[in-house]
Amino acid sequence: MLREISQHTNIKLSVIAEKLIQHGLGAALPDPITGELHAAIARHACRSGPG
């Protein structure tokens, strides 16, 4: 999913990972990353089907 977010936002994967770690420590997540993260989660949820 990190690779997808990186490709869809044109932000380096290492920057995506850094921002997610910072977010876990309380920092805000940039809007482009937030939007694509939600989209990636939705795409993967559709693939896995019902639990």
N, C-alpha and C. Protein backbone atom coordinates (compact mmCIF):
# COMPACT_ATOMS: atom_id res chain seq x y z
N MET A 1 0.82 -1.18 0.00
CA MET A 1 0.00 0.00 0.00
C MET A 1 0.86 1.25 0.00
N LEU A 2 1.99 1.22 0.69
CA LEU A 2 2.86 2.40 0.69
C LEU A 2 3.36 2.70 -0.72
N ARG A 3 3.68 1.66 -1.46
CA ARG A 3 4.13 1.86 -2.84
C ARG A 3 3.02 2.49 -3.67
N GLU A 4 1.81 2.03 -3.52
CA GLU A 4 0.67 2.61 -4.26
C GLU A 4 0.49 4.09 -3.91
N ILE A 5 0.54 4.39 -2.62
CA ILE A 5 0.38 5.78 -2.18
C ILE A 5 1.48 6.63 -2.78
N SER A 6 2.69 6.13 -2.76
CA SER A 6 3.83 6.85 -3.33
C SER A 6 3.62 7.11 -4.82
N GLN A 7 3.21 6.11 -5.54
CA GLN A 7 3.01 6.25 -6.98
C GLN A 7 1.86 7.19 -7.31
N HIS A 8 0.80 7.12 -6.56
CA HIS A 8 -0.39 7.93 -6.85
C HIS A 8 -0.23 9.39 -6.44
N THR A 9 0.67 9.65 -5.47
CA THR A 9 0.87 11.02 -5.01
C THR A 9 2.15 11.64 -5.55
N ASN A 10 2.99 10.83 -6.20
CA ASN A 10 4.29 11.27 -6.70
C ASN A 10 5.17 11.80 -5.55
N ILE A 11 5.07 11.12 -4.41
CA ILE A 11 5.90 11.41 -3.24
C ILE A 11 6.74 10.16 -2.98
N LYS A 12 8.02 10.36 -2.73
CA LYS A 12 8.91 9.21 -2.51
C LYS A 12 8.39 8.33 -1.38
N LEU A 13 8.56 7.02 -1.55
CA LEU A 13 8.08 6.06 -0.57
C LEU A 13 8.68 6.34 0.80
N SER A 14 9.96 6.69 0.86
CA SER A 14 10.60 6.97 2.15
C SER A 14 9.95 8.16 2.85
N VAL A 15 9.49 9.15 2.08
CA VAL A 15 8.82 10.31 2.66
C VAL A 15 7.44 9.90 3.18
N ILE A 16 6.75 9.04 2.42
CA ILE A 16 5.44 8.54 2.87
C ILE A 16 5.62 7.81 4.21
N ALA A 17 6.59 6.92 4.28
CA ALA A 17 6.83 6.17 5.51
C ALA A 17 7.17 7.10 6.67
N GLU A 18 8.00 8.10 6.42
CA GLU A 18 8.37 9.06 7.46
C GLU A 18 7.15 9.82 7.97
N LYS A 19 6.30 10.27 7.04
CA LYS A 19 5.10 11.02 7.42
C LYS A 19 4.13 10.15 8.23
N LEU A 20 4.02 8.86 7.87
CA LEU A 20 3.15 7.96 8.63
C LEU A 20 3.67 7.73 10.04
N ILE A 21 4.98 7.62 10.18
CA ILE A 21 5.57 7.46 11.52
C ILE A 21 5.31 8.72 12.34
N GLN A 22 5.54 9.88 11.72
CA GLN A 22 5.29 11.14 12.42
C GLN A 22 3.82 11.25 12.82
N HIS A 23 2.94 10.80 11.94
CA HIS A 23 1.51 10.83 12.24
C HIS A 23 1.19 9.96 13.46
N GLY A 24 1.84 8.81 13.53
CA GLY A 24 1.66 7.94 14.69
C GLY A 24 2.12 8.58 15.98
N LEU A 25 3.02 9.55 15.86
CA LEU A 25 3.53 10.27 17.04
C LEU A 25 2.76 11.56 17.30
N GLY A 26 1.71 11.80 16.51
CA GLY A 26 0.84 12.94 16.77
C GLY A 26 0.84 14.05 15.74
N ALA A 27 1.70 13.99 14.73
CA ALA A 27 1.74 15.03 13.69
C ALA A 27 0.59 14.84 12.71
N ALA A 28 0.20 15.93 12.10
CA ALA A 28 -0.85 15.85 11.07
C ALA A 28 -0.31 15.17 9.83
N LEU A 29 -1.17 14.44 9.15
CA LEU A 29 -0.81 13.78 7.90
C LEU A 29 -1.20 14.70 6.75
N PRO A 30 -0.28 14.98 5.82
CA PRO A 30 -0.62 15.86 4.70
C PRO A 30 -1.84 15.36 3.92
N ASP A 31 -2.65 16.30 3.46
CA ASP A 31 -3.90 15.96 2.76
C ASP A 31 -3.72 14.99 1.59
N PRO A 32 -2.72 15.19 0.71
CA PRO A 32 -2.60 14.24 -0.41
C PRO A 32 -2.35 12.80 0.06
N ILE A 33 -1.58 12.67 1.12
CA ILE A 33 -1.29 11.33 1.66
C ILE A 33 -2.54 10.76 2.33
N THR A 34 -3.25 11.59 3.08
CA THR A 34 -4.47 11.14 3.74
C THR A 34 -5.49 10.64 2.73
N GLY A 35 -5.71 11.43 1.69
CA GLY A 35 -6.69 11.04 0.67
C GLY A 35 -6.32 9.75 -0.03
N GLU A 36 -5.06 9.62 -0.39
CA GLU A 36 -4.64 8.40 -1.09
C GLU A 36 -4.59 7.21 -0.16
N LEU A 37 -4.29 7.43 1.12
CA LEU A 37 -4.31 6.34 2.09
C LEU A 37 -5.72 5.77 2.21
N HIS A 38 -6.71 6.64 2.31
CA HIS A 38 -8.10 6.18 2.38
C HIS A 38 -8.50 5.44 1.10
N ALA A 39 -8.07 5.94 -0.05
CA ALA A 39 -8.38 5.28 -1.32
C ALA A 39 -7.72 3.91 -1.40
N ALA A 40 -6.46 3.81 -0.96
CA ALA A 40 -5.75 2.54 -0.99
C ALA A 40 -6.41 1.52 -0.05
N ILE A 41 -6.81 1.97 1.12
CA ILE A 41 -7.49 1.07 2.06
C ILE A 41 -8.79 0.57 1.44
N ALA A 42 -9.53 1.45 0.80
CA ALA A 42 -10.78 1.05 0.15
C ALA A 42 -10.53 0.04 -0.96
N ARG A 43 -9.50 0.28 -1.76
CA ARG A 43 -9.17 -0.67 -2.85
C ARG A 43 -8.84 -2.04 -2.29
N HIS A 44 -8.05 -2.08 -1.24
CA HIS A 44 -7.64 -3.36 -0.68
C HIS A 44 -8.78 -4.05 0.08
N ALA A 45 -9.67 -3.26 0.66
CA ALA A 45 -10.82 -3.84 1.36
C ALA A 45 -11.74 -4.54 0.34
N CYS A 46 -11.87 -3.94 -0.83
CA CYS A 46 -12.72 -4.54 -1.88
C CYS A 46 -12.12 -5.85 -2.38
N ARG A 47 -10.81 -5.92 -2.44
CA ARG A 47 -10.12 -7.13 -2.92
C ARG A 47 -10.26 -8.28 -1.96
N SER A 48 -10.23 -7.98 -0.64
CA SER A 48 -10.23 -9.05 0.34
C SER A 48 -11.60 -9.64 0.58
N GLY A 49 -12.63 -8.87 0.25
CA GLY A 49 -14.00 -9.36 0.42
C GLY A 49 -14.40 -9.42 1.88
N PRO A 50 -15.56 -9.99 2.15
CA PRO A 50 -16.05 -10.05 3.52
C PRO A 50 -15.19 -10.98 4.37
N GLY A 51 -15.05 -10.61 5.67
CA GLY A 51 -14.20 -11.31 6.62
C GLY A 51 -14.60 -12.71 6.80
